[in-house]
Amino acid sequence: MLFVNNSPEDCWYHMKNVPFPLQLLGLDEDMKVIQVEHGKPNDETPIPFKSVTYVLEINEGKNVKEGDEVDLDDEETNKYVMKVLS
């Protein structure tokens, strides 16, 4: 799931009612990963993000790291997919 802010801002997310682990990626306006957090199943503890434009939830274990870039548009098929560009 992709969460969109109007501009870079601080925000918080939690994993309430999410029964599986996720990676939460804080992205800047250029879709560059600037923060990586790990959400634990059903955890209501706030997960803070500093000055992010987007937060993207992905399955845990994808080995995404700060500095990676995310491309959500697959121009070949015109379908939205996620690609991590290292």
C-alpha atoms as a PDB file:
ATOM      1  CA  MET A   1       0.000   0.000   0.000  1.00  0.00           C
ATOM      2  CA  LEU A   2       1.276   3.482  -0.834  1.00  0.00           C
ATOM      3  CA  PHE A   3       0.523   6.421   1.465  1.00  0.00           C
ATOM      4  CA  VAL A   4       0.934   9.885  -0.074  1.00  0.00           C
ATOM      5  CA  ASN A   5       1.614  13.150   1.792  1.00  0.00           C
ATOM      6  CA  ASN A   6       1.036  16.527   0.132  1.00  0.00           C
ATOM      7  CA  SER A   7       4.639  17.485   0.891  1.00  0.00           C
ATOM      8  CA  PRO A   8       7.502  16.057   2.961  1.00  0.00           C
ATOM      9  CA  GLU A   9       6.283  15.703   6.540  1.00  0.00           C
ATOM     10  CA  ASP A  10       6.719  13.715   9.716  1.00  0.00           C
ATOM     11  CA  CYS A  11       4.162  10.926  10.145  1.00  0.00           C
ATOM     12  CA  TRP A  12       3.520   7.739  12.111  1.00  0.00           C
ATOM     13  CA  TYR A  13       2.095   4.338  11.192  1.00  0.00           C
ATOM     14  CA  HIS A  14       1.304   1.165  13.139  1.00  0.00           C
ATOM     15  CA  MET A  15       0.588  -2.468  12.369  1.00  0.00           C
ATOM     16  CA  LYS A  16      -2.762  -2.864  14.166  1.00  0.00           C
ATOM     17  CA  ASN A  17      -4.777  -5.691  12.585  1.00  0.00           C
ATOM     18  CA  VAL A  18      -1.959  -6.572  10.158  1.00  0.00           C
ATOM     19  CA  PRO A  19      -1.236 -10.284  10.800  1.00  0.00           C
ATOM     20  CA  PHE A  20       2.092 -10.473   8.928  1.00  0.00           C
ATOM     21  CA  PRO A  21       5.413  -8.566   9.012  1.00  0.00           C
ATOM     22  CA  LEU A  22       5.982  -5.695   6.593  1.00  0.00           C
ATOM     23  CA  GLN A  23       8.786  -3.390   5.595  1.00  0.00           C
ATOM     24  CA  LEU A  24       7.711   0.252   5.593  1.00  0.00           C
ATOM     25  CA  LEU A  25       9.708   2.441   3.247  1.00  0.00           C
ATOM     26  CA  GLY A  26       9.893   6.206   3.711  1.00  0.00           C
ATOM     27  CA  LEU A  27      10.390   7.825   0.304  1.00  0.00           C
ATOM     28  CA  ASP A  28      11.290  11.360  -0.755  1.00  0.00           C
ATOM     29  CA  GLU A  29       9.610  13.253  -3.617  1.00  0.00           C
ATOM     30  CA  ASP A  30      11.902  11.484  -6.129  1.00  0.00           C
ATOM     31  CA  MET A  31      10.836   8.028  -4.843  1.00  0.00           C
ATOM     32  CA  LYS A  32      14.252   7.439  -3.251  1.00  0.00           C
ATOM     33  CA  VAL A  33      14.221   5.337  -0.072  1.00  0.00           C
ATOM     34  CA  ILE A  34      15.296   7.563   2.813  1.00  0.00           C
ATOM     35  CA  GLN A  35      14.080   5.398   5.706  1.00  0.00           C
ATOM     36  CA  VAL A  36      13.401   1.675   6.199  1.00  0.00           C
ATOM     37  CA  GLU A  37      11.378   0.364   9.145  1.00  0.00           C
ATOM     38  CA  HIS A  38      10.191  -3.133  10.032  1.00  0.00           C
ATOM     39  CA  GLY A  39       6.605  -3.584  11.203  1.00  0.00           C
ATOM     40  CA  LYS A  40       5.750  -6.450  13.540  1.00  0.00           C
ATOM     41  CA  PRO A  41       2.400  -8.244  13.154  1.00  0.00           C
ATOM     42  CA  ASN A  42      -0.491  -6.706  15.140  1.00  0.00           C
ATOM     43  CA  ASP A  43       1.819  -4.187  16.844  1.00  0.00           C
ATOM     44  CA  GLU A  44       0.172  -0.881  17.786  1.00  0.00           C
ATOM     45  CA  THR A  45       3.474   0.840  18.591  1.00  0.00           C
ATOM     46  CA  PRO A  46       3.801   3.967  16.401  1.00  0.00           C
ATOM     47  CA  ILE A  47       6.482   3.755  13.700  1.00  0.00           C
ATOM     48  CA  PRO A  48       7.781   7.304  13.102  1.00  0.00           C
ATOM     49  CA  PHE A  49       8.922   8.706   9.760  1.00  0.00           C
ATOM     50  CA  LYS A  50      10.838  11.983   9.362  1.00  0.00           C
ATOM     51  CA  SER A  51      10.152  14.299   6.437  1.00  0.00           C
ATOM     52  CA  VAL A  52       8.823  11.754   3.922  1.00  0.00           C
ATOM     53  CA  THR A  53       6.569  12.335   0.923  1.00  0.00           C
ATOM     54  CA  TYR A  54       5.502   8.693   0.571  1.00  0.00           C
ATOM     55  CA  VAL A  55       5.378   5.590   2.766  1.00  0.00           C
ATOM     56  CA  LEU A  56       5.236   2.264   0.940  1.00  0.00           C
ATOM     57  CA  GLU A  57       4.376  -1.007   2.678  1.00  0.00           C
ATOM     58  CA  ILE A  58       5.936  -4.133   1.173  1.00  0.00           C
ATOM     59  CA  ASN A  59       6.389  -7.732   2.297  1.00  0.00           C
ATOM     60  CA  GLU A  60       9.192  -8.275   4.784  1.00  0.00           C
ATOM     61  CA  GLY A  61      12.401  -9.806   3.481  1.00  0.00           C
ATOM     62  CA  LYS A  62      12.790  -7.842   0.248  1.00  0.00           C
ATOM     63  CA  ASN A  63      16.179  -6.488   1.354  1.00  0.00           C
ATOM     64  CA  VAL A  64      15.411  -2.874   0.406  1.00  0.00           C
ATOM     65  CA  LYS A  65      17.857  -0.350   1.842  1.00  0.00           C
ATOM     66  CA  GLU A  66      18.247   3.397   2.143  1.00  0.00           C
ATOM     67  CA  GLY A  67      19.413   4.900  -1.139  1.00  0.00           C
ATOM     68  CA  ASP A  68      17.435   2.481  -3.326  1.00  0.00           C
ATOM     69  CA  GLU A  69      14.940   3.992  -5.775  1.00  0.00           C
ATOM     70  CA  VAL A  70      11.379   2.773  -6.311  1.00  0.00           C
ATOM     71  CA  ASP A  71       9.689   2.761  -9.734  1.00  0.00           C
ATOM     72  CA  LEU A  72       5.937   2.127  -9.518  1.00  0.00           C
ATOM     73  CA  ASP A  73       5.152   2.413 -13.227  1.00  0.00           C
ATOM     74  CA  ASP A  74       5.878  -0.395 -15.651  1.00  0.00           C
ATOM     75  CA  GLU A  75       5.883   1.441 -19.000  1.00  0.00           C
ATOM     76  CA  GLU A  76       5.915  -1.792 -21.011  1.00  0.00           C
ATOM     77  CA  THR A  77       2.502  -2.981 -19.809  1.00  0.00           C
ATOM     78  CA  ASN A  78       0.966   0.225 -18.401  1.00  0.00           C
ATOM     79  CA  LYS A  79       0.254  -1.659 -15.185  1.00  0.00           C
ATOM     80  CA  TYR A  80       1.480  -0.471 -11.824  1.00  0.00           C
ATOM     81  CA  VAL A  81       4.163  -2.645 -10.342  1.00  0.00           C
ATOM     82  CA  MET A  82       6.950  -1.987  -7.875  1.00  0.00           C
ATOM     83  CA  LYS A  83      10.585  -2.217  -8.885  1.00  0.00           C
ATOM     84  CA  VAL A  84      13.489  -1.434  -6.594  1.00  0.00           C
ATOM     85  CA  LEU A  85      16.380   0.103  -8.471  1.00  0.00           C
ATOM     86  CA  SER A  86      19.684  -0.261  -6.668  1.00  0.00           C
END
